[in-house]
């Protein structure tokens, strides 16, 4: 019988890893999602940058991109990300609505092109296009736009498209029929919550392993609504049935350990709905784990104890 090991508990070292935090308080001001503009300030106030430094990262914080117009925000975010990546730094973008990803991932595509893989963690497809969307809400079209599936999205907004084979959607729970058909037509890699329930964590990690196998760099874009309401209550569309804390924590660590993550988006929070900072804490742990240095209550305790 093969002797069990605890290799999954080991971590990468954050030493010499430089991380740039890019606040992008972009929101559409519609309903509860209007609170998303407060997210970067909230997360930073909860110690996001401080905890990253404590985990061993060399941390730099960019000035916030404050424009509330789509095109200038996208261009500014794309420029900021491309600049930092070219300097060899990793990026953590704090949104705002998930539309910030048009700029952040656009910047990564500008630098890495077809060597970039994207893991889109979201309860919703975000695969609507102008042709099939009932609401015409841009937040529901971001993933489709990055893949070049919406012909009405201008070349100036998304000049470099993501290779469909380099995209992986994890956590899909709610999708329109038109989105489901689009997924099937384009053979997109998707791990639904139904897949997770039926096949377990290994189903998701096998998809991640496959993506890592043919890409050199990864960007992970996270909509907080993908996480179970009890663990991340500060989502405008918080609901039950999403990724639990255990699932998202282990998934983030697996991705961080197996792939070269160069950037992370945290989007779609509503800070005034947070309970005892639970969502902020989960977001911190996820982002840190994705970049190779888990930061949780135990690591923080041990860090304090050993000093």
C-alpha atoms as a PDB file:
ATOM      1  CA  UNK A   1       0.000   0.000   0.000  1.00  0.00           C
ATOM      2  CA  UNK A   2       1.371   3.388  -0.997  1.00  0.00           C
ATOM      3  CA  UNK A   3       2.344   5.527   1.953  1.00  0.00           C
ATOM      4  CA  UNK A   4       0.230   8.683   2.277  1.00  0.00           C
ATOM      5  CA  UNK A   5       1.987  12.025   2.091  1.00  0.00           C
ATOM      6  CA  UNK A   6       0.997  15.596   2.932  1.00  0.00           C
ATOM      7  CA  UNK A   7       2.465  17.262  -0.121  1.00  0.00           C
ATOM      8  CA  UNK A   8      -0.778  19.179  -0.678  1.00  0.00           C
ATOM      9  CA  UNK A   9      -0.014  21.113   2.511  1.00  0.00           C
ATOM     10  CA  UNK A  10       3.265  22.506   1.196  1.00  0.00           C
ATOM     11  CA  UNK A  11       3.326  25.979  -0.346  1.00  0.00           C
ATOM     12  CA  UNK A  12       5.406  27.991  -2.733  1.00  0.00           C
ATOM     13  CA  UNK A  13       7.557  30.747  -1.292  1.00  0.00           C
ATOM     14  CA  UNK A  14       6.423  34.331  -1.755  1.00  0.00           C
ATOM     15  CA  UNK A  15       9.914  35.730  -1.352  1.00  0.00           C
ATOM     16  CA  UNK A  16      11.036  37.808  -4.338  1.00  0.00           C
ATOM     17  CA  UNK A  17       7.499  37.754  -5.766  1.00  0.00           C
ATOM     18  CA  UNK A  18       6.399  41.294  -6.566  1.00  0.00           C
ATOM     19  CA  UNK A  19       2.678  42.056  -6.569  1.00  0.00           C
ATOM     20  CA  UNK A  20       0.932  45.212  -7.724  1.00  0.00           C
ATOM     21  CA  UNK A  21      -2.517  45.968  -6.348  1.00  0.00           C
ATOM     22  CA  UNK A  22      -4.686  47.907  -8.807  1.00  0.00           C
ATOM     23  CA  UNK A  23      -7.901  49.403  -7.342  1.00  0.00           C
ATOM     24  CA  UNK A  24     -10.616  49.823  -9.997  1.00  0.00           C
ATOM     25  CA  UNK A  25     -13.779  51.112  -8.267  1.00  0.00           C
ATOM     26  CA  UNK A  26     -15.913  50.845 -11.388  1.00  0.00           C
ATOM     27  CA  UNK A  27     -19.658  50.322 -11.011  1.00  0.00           C
ATOM     28  CA  UNK A  28     -22.824  50.857 -12.958  1.00  0.00           C
ATOM     29  CA  UNK A  29     -24.772  52.304 -10.040  1.00  0.00           C
ATOM     30  CA  UNK A  30     -27.742  50.026 -10.700  1.00  0.00           C
ATOM     31  CA  UNK A  31     -29.452  48.638  -7.620  1.00  0.00           C
ATOM     32  CA  UNK A  32     -27.258  46.912  -5.063  1.00  0.00           C
ATOM     33  CA  UNK A  33     -24.359  46.518  -7.488  1.00  0.00           C
ATOM     34  CA  UNK A  34     -23.730  50.239  -7.078  1.00  0.00           C
ATOM     35  CA  UNK A  35     -21.953  49.314  -3.833  1.00  0.00           C
ATOM     36  CA  UNK A  36     -19.255  47.605  -5.872  1.00  0.00           C
ATOM     37  CA  UNK A  37     -17.493  50.940  -6.299  1.00  0.00           C
ATOM     38  CA  UNK A  38     -16.645  50.852  -2.583  1.00  0.00           C
ATOM     39  CA  UNK A  39     -14.975  47.448  -2.774  1.00  0.00           C
ATOM     40  CA  UNK A  40     -11.319  48.427  -3.379  1.00  0.00           C
ATOM     41  CA  UNK A  41     -11.351  50.927  -0.538  1.00  0.00           C
ATOM     42  CA  UNK A  42     -13.084  48.406   1.722  1.00  0.00           C
ATOM     43  CA  UNK A  43     -10.657  45.576   0.995  1.00  0.00           C
ATOM     44  CA  UNK A  44      -7.646  47.821   1.468  1.00  0.00           C
ATOM     45  CA  UNK A  45      -9.077  49.093   4.744  1.00  0.00           C
ATOM     46  CA  UNK A  46      -9.483  45.460   5.835  1.00  0.00           C
ATOM     47  CA  UNK A  47      -5.720  45.016   5.348  1.00  0.00           C
ATOM     48  CA  UNK A  48      -5.427  43.541   1.856  1.00  0.00           C
ATOM     49  CA  UNK A  49      -2.045  45.111   1.080  1.00  0.00           C
ATOM     50  CA  UNK A  50      -0.755  44.640   4.626  1.00  0.00           C
ATOM     51  CA  UNK A  51      -1.570  40.930   4.667  1.00  0.00           C
ATOM     52  CA  UNK A  52       0.067  40.413   1.283  1.00  0.00           C
ATOM     53  CA  UNK A  53       3.237  41.980   2.624  1.00  0.00           C
ATOM     54  CA  UNK A  54       3.016  39.801   5.736  1.00  0.00           C
ATOM     55  CA  UNK A  55       2.737  36.715   3.493  1.00  0.00           C
ATOM     56  CA  UNK A  56       6.115  37.636   2.021  1.00  0.00           C
ATOM     57  CA  UNK A  57       5.195  39.466  -1.169  1.00  0.00           C
ATOM     58  CA  UNK A  58       6.825  42.700  -2.253  1.00  0.00           C
ATOM     59  CA  UNK A  59       3.742  44.916  -2.550  1.00  0.00           C
ATOM     60  CA  UNK A  60       3.098  47.998  -4.625  1.00  0.00           C
ATOM     61  CA  UNK A  61      -0.233  49.821  -4.805  1.00  0.00           C
ATOM     62  CA  UNK A  62      -1.219  51.757  -7.910  1.00  0.00           C
ATOM     63  CA  UNK A  63      -3.440  54.850  -7.806  1.00  0.00           C
ATOM     64  CA  UNK A  64      -7.104  53.941  -8.214  1.00  0.00           C
ATOM     65  CA  UNK A  65      -8.634  54.058 -11.685  1.00  0.00           C
ATOM     66  CA  UNK A  66     -11.641  56.168 -10.779  1.00  0.00           C
ATOM     67  CA  UNK A  67     -13.334  56.966 -14.095  1.00  0.00           C
ATOM     68  CA  UNK A  68     -16.909  55.686 -14.325  1.00  0.00           C
ATOM     69  CA  UNK A  69     -16.953  55.541 -18.116  1.00  0.00           C
ATOM     70  CA  UNK A  70     -16.481  52.142 -19.720  1.00  0.00           C
ATOM     71  CA  UNK A  71     -13.986  52.921 -22.465  1.00  0.00           C
ATOM     72  CA  UNK A  72     -11.569  55.096 -20.406  1.00  0.00           C
ATOM     73  CA  UNK A  73     -11.702  52.583 -17.533  1.00  0.00           C
ATOM     74  CA  UNK A  74     -10.915  49.692 -19.874  1.00  0.00           C
ATOM     75  CA  UNK A  75      -8.039  51.508 -21.541  1.00  0.00           C
ATOM     76  CA  UNK A  76      -6.564  52.637 -18.210  1.00  0.00           C
ATOM     77  CA  UNK A  77      -6.831  49.180 -16.664  1.00  0.00           C
ATOM     78  CA  UNK A  78      -5.320  47.558 -19.747  1.00  0.00           C
ATOM     79  CA  UNK A  79      -2.405  49.973 -19.694  1.00  0.00           C
ATOM     80  CA  UNK A  80      -1.780  49.582 -15.964  1.00  0.00           C
ATOM     81  CA  UNK A  81      -1.784  45.773 -16.111  1.00  0.00           C
ATOM     82  CA  UNK A  82       0.397  45.590 -19.225  1.00  0.00           C
ATOM     83  CA  UNK A  83       2.924  47.980 -17.672  1.00  0.00           C
ATOM     84  CA  UNK A  84       3.230  45.993 -14.433  1.00  0.00           C
ATOM     85  CA  UNK A  85       3.415  42.609 -16.169  1.00  0.00           C
ATOM     86  CA  UNK A  86       6.189  43.844 -18.439  1.00  0.00           C
ATOM     87  CA  UNK A  87       8.105  44.801 -15.283  1.00  0.00           C
ATOM     88  CA  UNK A  88       7.818  41.208 -14.096  1.00  0.00           C
ATOM     89  CA  UNK A  89       5.235  41.962 -11.418  1.00  0.00           C
ATOM     90  CA  UNK A  90       2.023  40.060 -10.747  1.00  0.00           C
ATOM     91  CA  UNK A  91      -1.271  41.952 -10.514  1.00  0.00           C
ATOM     92  CA  UNK A  92      -4.267  41.876  -8.200  1.00  0.00           C
ATOM     93  CA  UNK A  93      -7.142  44.005  -9.492  1.00  0.00           C
ATOM     94  CA  UNK A  94      -9.800  45.004  -6.984  1.00  0.00           C
ATOM     95  CA  UNK A  95     -13.169  45.873  -8.608  1.00  0.00           C
ATOM     96  CA  UNK A  96     -15.787  47.168  -9.063  1.00  0.00           C
ATOM     97  CA  UNK A  97     -18.065  45.173 -11.296  1.00  0.00           C
ATOM     98  CA  UNK A  98     -16.776  42.303 -13.381  1.00  0.00           C
ATOM     99  CA  UNK A  99     -16.520  44.610 -16.378  1.00  0.00           C
ATOM    100  CA  UNK A 100     -13.069  45.586 -15.054  1.00  0.00           C
ATOM    101  CA  UNK A 101     -11.878  42.314 -16.593  1.00  0.00           C
ATOM    102  CA  UNK A 102     -12.201  43.755 -20.083  1.00  0.00           C
ATOM    103  CA  UNK A 103      -9.258  45.958 -19.151  1.00  0.00           C
ATOM    104  CA  UNK A 104      -7.256  43.720 -16.823  1.00  0.00           C
ATOM    105  CA  UNK A 105      -7.351  40.605 -18.963  1.00  0.00           C
ATOM    106  CA  UNK A 106      -6.987  42.766 -22.047  1.00  0.00           C
ATOM    107  CA  UNK A 107      -3.686  44.008 -20.605  1.00  0.00           C
ATOM    108  CA  UNK A 108      -2.504  40.468 -19.912  1.00  0.00           C
ATOM    109  CA  UNK A 109      -3.431  39.411 -23.456  1.00  0.00           C
ATOM    110  CA  UNK A 110      -1.453  42.365 -24.793  1.00  0.00           C
ATOM    111  CA  UNK A 111       1.642  41.034 -23.041  1.00  0.00           C
ATOM    112  CA  UNK A 112       1.240  37.243 -23.271  1.00  0.00           C
ATOM    113  CA  UNK A 113      -1.109  36.664 -26.221  1.00  0.00           C
ATOM    114  CA  UNK A 114      -1.943  33.012 -26.829  1.00  0.00           C
ATOM    115  CA  UNK A 115       0.327  31.932 -23.969  1.00  0.00           C
ATOM    116  CA  UNK A 116      -2.287  33.248 -21.531  1.00  0.00           C
ATOM    117  CA  UNK A 117      -4.886  30.985 -19.969  1.00  0.00           C
ATOM    118  CA  UNK A 118      -7.963  32.343 -18.183  1.00  0.00           C
ATOM    119  CA  UNK A 119      -9.889  30.752 -15.320  1.00  0.00           C
ATOM    120  CA  UNK A 120     -13.242  32.489 -14.966  1.00  0.00           C
ATOM    121  CA  UNK A 121     -14.828  31.763 -11.567  1.00  0.00           C
ATOM    122  CA  UNK A 122     -18.453  32.868 -11.639  1.00  0.00           C
ATOM    123  CA  UNK A 123     -21.921  31.573 -10.817  1.00  0.00           C
ATOM    124  CA  UNK A 124     -23.163  33.102 -14.065  1.00  0.00           C
ATOM    125  CA  UNK A 125     -22.052  32.597 -17.642  1.00  0.00           C
ATOM    126  CA  UNK A 126     -21.327  36.229 -18.551  1.00  0.00           C
ATOM    127  CA  UNK A 127     -21.629  34.819 -22.051  1.00  0.00           C
ATOM    128  CA  UNK A 128     -24.435  36.979 -23.321  1.00  0.00           C
ATOM    129  CA  UNK A 129     -23.907  39.001 -26.482  1.00  0.00           C
ATOM    130  CA  UNK A 130     -25.785  41.972 -27.857  1.00  0.00           C
ATOM    131  CA  UNK A 131     -27.598  39.538 -30.139  1.00  0.00           C
ATOM    132  CA  UNK A 132     -28.974  37.295 -27.362  1.00  0.00           C
ATOM    133  CA  UNK A 133     -29.007  39.468 -24.222  1.00  0.00           C
ATOM    134  CA  UNK A 134     -32.390  40.470 -22.884  1.00  0.00           C
ATOM    135  CA  UNK A 135     -31.027  43.240 -20.652  1.00  0.00           C
ATOM    136  CA  UNK A 136     -28.092  44.493 -22.761  1.00  0.00           C
ATOM    137  CA  UNK A 137     -26.204  44.743 -19.453  1.00  0.00           C
ATOM    138  CA  UNK A 138     -22.471  44.740 -20.203  1.00  0.00           C
ATOM    139  CA  UNK A 139     -21.719  42.847 -16.992  1.00  0.00           C
ATOM    140  CA  UNK A 140     -23.361  39.798 -18.534  1.00  0.00           C
ATOM    141  CA  UNK A 141     -21.273  40.008 -21.696  1.00  0.00           C
ATOM    142  CA  UNK A 142     -17.711  40.298 -20.395  1.00  0.00           C
ATOM    143  CA  UNK A 143     -16.568  36.697 -20.845  1.00  0.00           C
ATOM    144  CA  UNK A 144     -18.148  36.513 -24.305  1.00  0.00           C
ATOM    145  CA  UNK A 145     -16.481  39.791 -25.286  1.00  0.00           C
ATOM    146  CA  UNK A 146     -13.035  38.576 -24.231  1.00  0.00           C
ATOM    147  CA  UNK A 147     -13.545  35.451 -26.329  1.00  0.00           C
ATOM    148  CA  UNK A 148     -14.520  37.536 -29.354  1.00  0.00           C
ATOM    149  CA  UNK A 149     -18.056  36.114 -29.465  1.00  0.00           C
ATOM    150  CA  UNK A 150     -19.827  39.494 -29.469  1.00  0.00           C
ATOM    151  CA  UNK A 151     -19.357  41.126 -32.841  1.00  0.00           C
ATOM    152  CA  UNK A 152     -20.663  44.482 -31.596  1.00  0.00           C
ATOM    153  CA  UNK A 153     -17.806  44.941 -29.132  1.00  0.00           C
ATOM    154  CA  UNK A 154     -15.386  47.386 -30.683  1.00  0.00           C
ATOM    155  CA  UNK A 155     -11.812  46.424 -31.505  1.00  0.00           C
ATOM    156  CA  UNK A 156     -10.650  49.395 -29.407  1.00  0.00           C
ATOM    157  CA  UNK A 157     -12.340  47.925 -26.314  1.00  0.00           C
ATOM    158  CA  UNK A 158     -11.000  44.381 -26.752  1.00  0.00           C
ATOM    159  CA  UNK A 159      -8.198  44.471 -29.351  1.00  0.00           C
ATOM    160  CA  UNK A 160      -6.710  41.049 -28.520  1.00  0.00           C
ATOM    161  CA  UNK A 161      -9.142  38.147 -28.085  1.00  0.00           C
ATOM    162  CA  UNK A 162      -8.646  35.161 -25.809  1.00  0.00           C
ATOM    163  CA  UNK A 163      -8.128  31.807 -27.496  1.00  0.00           C
ATOM    164  CA  UNK A 164     -11.229  29.704 -26.704  1.00  0.00           C
ATOM    165  CA  UNK A 165      -9.032  26.711 -25.897  1.00  0.00           C
ATOM    166  CA  UNK A 166      -7.310  28.796 -23.224  1.00  0.00           C
ATOM    167  CA  UNK A 167     -10.497  29.539 -21.274  1.00  0.00           C
ATOM    168  CA  UNK A 168     -11.963  27.610 -18.345  1.00  0.00           C
ATOM    169  CA  UNK A 169     -15.154  28.544 -16.512  1.00  0.00           C
ATOM    170  CA  UNK A 170     -15.551  27.162 -12.977  1.00  0.00           C
ATOM    171  CA  UNK A 171     -18.588  27.425 -10.701  1.00  0.00           C
ATOM    172  CA  UNK A 172     -21.326  28.004 -13.282  1.00  0.00           C
ATOM    173  CA  UNK A 173     -24.697  27.669 -11.581  1.00  0.00           C
ATOM    174  CA  UNK A 174     -27.114  29.925 -13.468  1.00  0.00           C
ATOM    175  CA  UNK A 175     -27.113  30.328 -17.248  1.00  0.00           C
ATOM    176  CA  UNK A 176     -29.564  31.402 -19.918  1.00  0.00           C
ATOM    177  CA  UNK A 177     -30.548  28.856 -22.556  1.00  0.00           C
ATOM    178  CA  UNK A 178     -28.811  30.989 -25.190  1.00  0.00           C
ATOM    179  CA  UNK A 179     -25.604  30.923 -23.125  1.00  0.00           C
ATOM    180  CA  UNK A 180     -25.795  27.130 -22.818  1.00  0.00           C
ATOM    181  CA  UNK A 181     -26.131  26.835 -26.582  1.00  0.00           C
ATOM    182  CA  UNK A 182     -23.173  29.186 -27.049  1.00  0.00           C
ATOM    183  CA  UNK A 183     -21.067  27.050 -24.685  1.00  0.00           C
ATOM    184  CA  UNK A 184     -21.923  23.914 -26.652  1.00  0.00           C
ATOM    185  CA  UNK A 185     -21.451  25.525 -30.065  1.00  0.00           C
ATOM    186  CA  UNK A 186     -17.980  26.824 -29.157  1.00  0.00           C
ATOM    187  CA  UNK A 187     -16.915  23.751 -27.145  1.00  0.00           C
ATOM    188  CA  UNK A 188     -15.991  25.895 -24.150  1.00  0.00           C
ATOM    189  CA  UNK A 189     -14.518  24.205 -21.074  1.00  0.00           C
ATOM    190  CA  UNK A 190     -16.958  24.620 -18.204  1.00  0.00           C
ATOM    191  CA  UNK A 191     -17.127  23.082 -14.734  1.00  0.00           C
ATOM    192  CA  UNK A 192     -20.626  23.611 -13.357  1.00  0.00           C
ATOM    193  CA  UNK A 193     -21.699  23.265  -9.745  1.00  0.00           C
ATOM    194  CA  UNK A 194     -23.586  20.173 -10.888  1.00  0.00           C
ATOM    195  CA  UNK A 195     -20.286  18.727 -12.099  1.00  0.00           C
ATOM    196  CA  UNK A 196     -18.720  19.492  -8.719  1.00  0.00           C
ATOM    197  CA  UNK A 197     -21.539  17.766  -6.844  1.00  0.00           C
ATOM    198  CA  UNK A 198     -21.476  14.747  -9.134  1.00  0.00           C
ATOM    199  CA  UNK A 199     -17.749  14.275  -9.677  1.00  0.00           C
ATOM    200  CA  UNK A 200     -16.078  16.192  -6.829  1.00  0.00           C
ATOM    201  CA  UNK A 201     -13.078  18.497  -6.669  1.00  0.00           C
ATOM    202  CA  UNK A 202     -10.963  16.261  -8.894  1.00  0.00           C
ATOM    203  CA  UNK A 203     -13.196  17.139 -11.842  1.00  0.00           C
ATOM    204  CA  UNK A 204     -12.302  20.816 -11.479  1.00  0.00           C
ATOM    205  CA  UNK A 205      -8.606  20.211 -10.821  1.00  0.00           C
ATOM    206  CA  UNK A 206      -8.313  17.933 -13.861  1.00  0.00           C
ATOM    207  CA  UNK A 207      -9.618  20.780 -16.039  1.00  0.00           C
ATOM    208  CA  UNK A 208      -7.127  23.157 -14.421  1.00  0.00           C
ATOM    209  CA  UNK A 209      -4.305  20.677 -15.021  1.00  0.00           C
ATOM    210  CA  UNK A 210      -5.283  20.420 -18.678  1.00  0.00           C
ATOM    211  CA  UNK A 211      -5.267  24.207 -19.057  1.00  0.00           C
ATOM    212  CA  UNK A 212      -1.912  24.552 -17.305  1.00  0.00           C
ATOM    213  CA  UNK A 213      -0.530  21.930 -19.669  1.00  0.00           C
ATOM    214  CA  UNK A 214      -0.866  24.105 -22.751  1.00  0.00           C
ATOM    215  CA  UNK A 215      -0.526  27.664 -21.405  1.00  0.00           C
ATOM    216  CA  UNK A 216       2.445  29.410 -19.796  1.00  0.00           C
ATOM    217  CA  UNK A 217       0.594  32.021 -17.772  1.00  0.00           C
ATOM    218  CA  UNK A 218      -2.743  32.174 -15.958  1.00  0.00           C
ATOM    219  CA  UNK A 219      -5.133  34.952 -15.069  1.00  0.00           C
ATOM    220  CA  UNK A 220      -7.878  34.099 -12.559  1.00  0.00           C
ATOM    221  CA  UNK A 221     -10.977  36.283 -12.576  1.00  0.00           C
ATOM    222  CA  UNK A 222     -13.348  35.852  -9.636  1.00  0.00           C
ATOM    223  CA  UNK A 223     -16.917  37.036  -9.223  1.00  0.00           C
ATOM    224  CA  UNK A 224     -17.719  36.791  -5.516  1.00  0.00           C
ATOM    225  CA  UNK A 225     -21.185  35.424  -6.325  1.00  0.00           C
ATOM    226  CA  UNK A 226     -19.541  32.093  -7.222  1.00  0.00           C
ATOM    227  CA  UNK A 227     -18.974  31.511  -3.504  1.00  0.00           C
ATOM    228  CA  UNK A 228     -21.636  30.134  -1.172  1.00  0.00           C
ATOM    229  CA  UNK A 229     -23.650  32.855   0.577  1.00  0.00           C
ATOM    230  CA  UNK A 230     -22.772  31.608   4.059  1.00  0.00           C
ATOM    231  CA  UNK A 231     -19.068  32.004   3.313  1.00  0.00           C
ATOM    232  CA  UNK A 232     -19.184  35.192   1.204  1.00  0.00           C
ATOM    233  CA  UNK A 233     -22.339  37.168   2.045  1.00  0.00           C
ATOM    234  CA  UNK A 234     -21.150  40.430   0.463  1.00  0.00           C
ATOM    235  CA  UNK A 235     -22.220  39.637  -3.081  1.00  0.00           C
ATOM    236  CA  UNK A 236     -24.966  41.607  -4.751  1.00  0.00           C
ATOM    237  CA  UNK A 237     -26.279  38.282  -6.059  1.00  0.00           C
ATOM    238  CA  UNK A 238     -25.352  36.116  -3.082  1.00  0.00           C
ATOM    239  CA  UNK A 239     -27.146  32.766  -3.107  1.00  0.00           C
ATOM    240  CA  UNK A 240     -26.882  29.232  -1.822  1.00  0.00           C
ATOM    241  CA  UNK A 241     -25.394  26.397  -3.827  1.00  0.00           C
ATOM    242  CA  UNK A 242     -22.095  27.993  -4.820  1.00  0.00           C
ATOM    243  CA  UNK A 243     -18.507  27.002  -4.070  1.00  0.00           C
ATOM    244  CA  UNK A 244     -18.039  26.484  -0.337  1.00  0.00           C
ATOM    245  CA  UNK A 245     -15.121  27.965   1.566  1.00  0.00           C
ATOM    246  CA  UNK A 246     -13.439  24.567   1.561  1.00  0.00           C
ATOM    247  CA  UNK A 247     -13.865  24.181  -2.201  1.00  0.00           C
ATOM    248  CA  UNK A 248     -12.729  27.662  -3.213  1.00  0.00           C
ATOM    249  CA  UNK A 249      -9.789  27.604  -0.764  1.00  0.00           C
ATOM    250  CA  UNK A 250      -8.459  24.264  -2.016  1.00  0.00           C
ATOM    251  CA  UNK A 251      -9.128  25.169  -5.630  1.00  0.00           C
ATOM    252  CA  UNK A 252      -7.198  28.433  -5.256  1.00  0.00           C
ATOM    253  CA  UNK A 253      -4.278  26.625  -3.667  1.00  0.00           C
ATOM    254  CA  UNK A 254      -4.253  23.980  -6.394  1.00  0.00           C
ATOM    255  CA  UNK A 255      -4.249  26.614  -9.129  1.00  0.00           C
ATOM    256  CA  UNK A 256      -1.536  28.602  -7.362  1.00  0.00           C
ATOM    257  CA  UNK A 257       0.648  25.528  -6.883  1.00  0.00           C
ATOM    258  CA  UNK A 258       0.238  24.095 -10.370  1.00  0.00           C
ATOM    259  CA  UNK A 259       0.108  27.161 -12.624  1.00  0.00           C
ATOM    260  CA  UNK A 260       1.995  30.394 -13.153  1.00  0.00           C
ATOM    261  CA  UNK A 261      -0.673  32.846 -12.033  1.00  0.00           C
ATOM    262  CA  UNK A 262       0.246  36.359 -13.152  1.00  0.00           C
ATOM    263  CA  UNK A 263      -2.973  38.123 -12.217  1.00  0.00           C
ATOM    264  CA  UNK A 264      -6.177  37.975 -10.223  1.00  0.00           C
ATOM    265  CA  UNK A 265      -9.460  39.879 -10.398  1.00  0.00           C
ATOM    266  CA  UNK A 266     -11.741  40.216  -7.364  1.00  0.00           C
ATOM    267  CA  UNK A 267     -15.083  41.648  -8.468  1.00  0.00           C
ATOM    268  CA  UNK A 268     -18.791  42.110  -7.706  1.00  0.00           C
ATOM    269  CA  UNK A 269     -18.718  42.700  -3.963  1.00  0.00           C
ATOM    270  CA  UNK A 270     -21.154  44.832  -2.007  1.00  0.00           C
ATOM    271  CA  UNK A 271     -19.211  45.792   1.141  1.00  0.00           C
ATOM    272  CA  UNK A 272     -22.218  46.970   3.152  1.00  0.00           C
ATOM    273  CA  UNK A 273     -23.538  43.402   3.043  1.00  0.00           C
ATOM    274  CA  UNK A 274     -20.390  41.879   4.525  1.00  0.00           C
ATOM    275  CA  UNK A 275     -20.748  40.117   7.875  1.00  0.00           C
ATOM    276  CA  UNK A 276     -17.815  40.469  10.277  1.00  0.00           C
ATOM    277  CA  UNK A 277     -15.496  40.873   7.303  1.00  0.00           C
ATOM    278  CA  UNK A 278     -16.124  37.264   6.174  1.00  0.00           C
ATOM    279  CA  UNK A 279     -16.108  38.017   2.459  1.00  0.00           C
ATOM    280  CA  UNK A 280     -13.046  40.232   2.698  1.00  0.00           C
ATOM    281  CA  UNK A 281     -11.204  37.461   4.542  1.00  0.00           C
ATOM    282  CA  UNK A 282     -12.125  34.839   1.949  1.00  0.00           C
ATOM    283  CA  UNK A 283     -11.045  37.127  -0.903  1.00  0.00           C
ATOM    284  CA  UNK A 284      -7.701  37.754   0.771  1.00  0.00           C
ATOM    285  CA  UNK A 285      -7.084  34.032   1.244  1.00  0.00           C
ATOM    286  CA  UNK A 286      -8.058  33.211  -2.339  1.00  0.00           C
ATOM    287  CA  UNK A 287      -5.869  35.885  -3.909  1.00  0.00           C
ATOM    288  CA  UNK A 288      -2.888  35.030  -1.739  1.00  0.00           C
ATOM    289  CA  UNK A 289      -3.205  31.292  -2.409  1.00  0.00           C
ATOM    290  CA  UNK A 290      -3.498  31.857  -6.154  1.00  0.00           C
ATOM    291  CA  UNK A 291      -0.173  33.689  -6.074  1.00  0.00           C
ATOM    292  CA  UNK A 292       1.515  30.927  -4.085  1.00  0.00           C
ATOM    293  CA  UNK A 293       1.430  31.975  -0.432  1.00  0.00           C
ATOM    294  CA  UNK A 294      -1.725  31.024   1.500  1.00  0.00           C
ATOM    295  CA  UNK A 295      -2.657  33.600   4.131  1.00  0.00           C
ATOM    296  CA  UNK A 296      -5.255  32.344   6.609  1.00  0.00           C
ATOM    297  CA  UNK A 297      -5.867  32.465  10.340  1.00  0.00           C
ATOM    298  CA  UNK A 298      -3.304  29.702  10.948  1.00  0.00           C
ATOM    299  CA  UNK A 299      -0.490  31.198   8.878  1.00  0.00           C
ATOM    300  CA  UNK A 300      -1.108  34.597  10.465  1.00  0.00           C
ATOM    301  CA  UNK A 301      -1.109  33.053  13.942  1.00  0.00           C
ATOM    302  CA  UNK A 302       2.127  31.173  13.329  1.00  0.00           C
ATOM    303  CA  UNK A 303       3.725  34.263  11.826  1.00  0.00           C
ATOM    304  CA  UNK A 304       2.960  36.212  14.992  1.00  0.00           C
ATOM    305  CA  UNK A 305       3.979  33.326  17.270  1.00  0.00           C
ATOM    306  CA  UNK A 306       7.398  32.863  15.687  1.00  0.00           C
ATOM    307  CA  UNK A 307       8.392  36.525  15.876  1.00  0.00           C
END
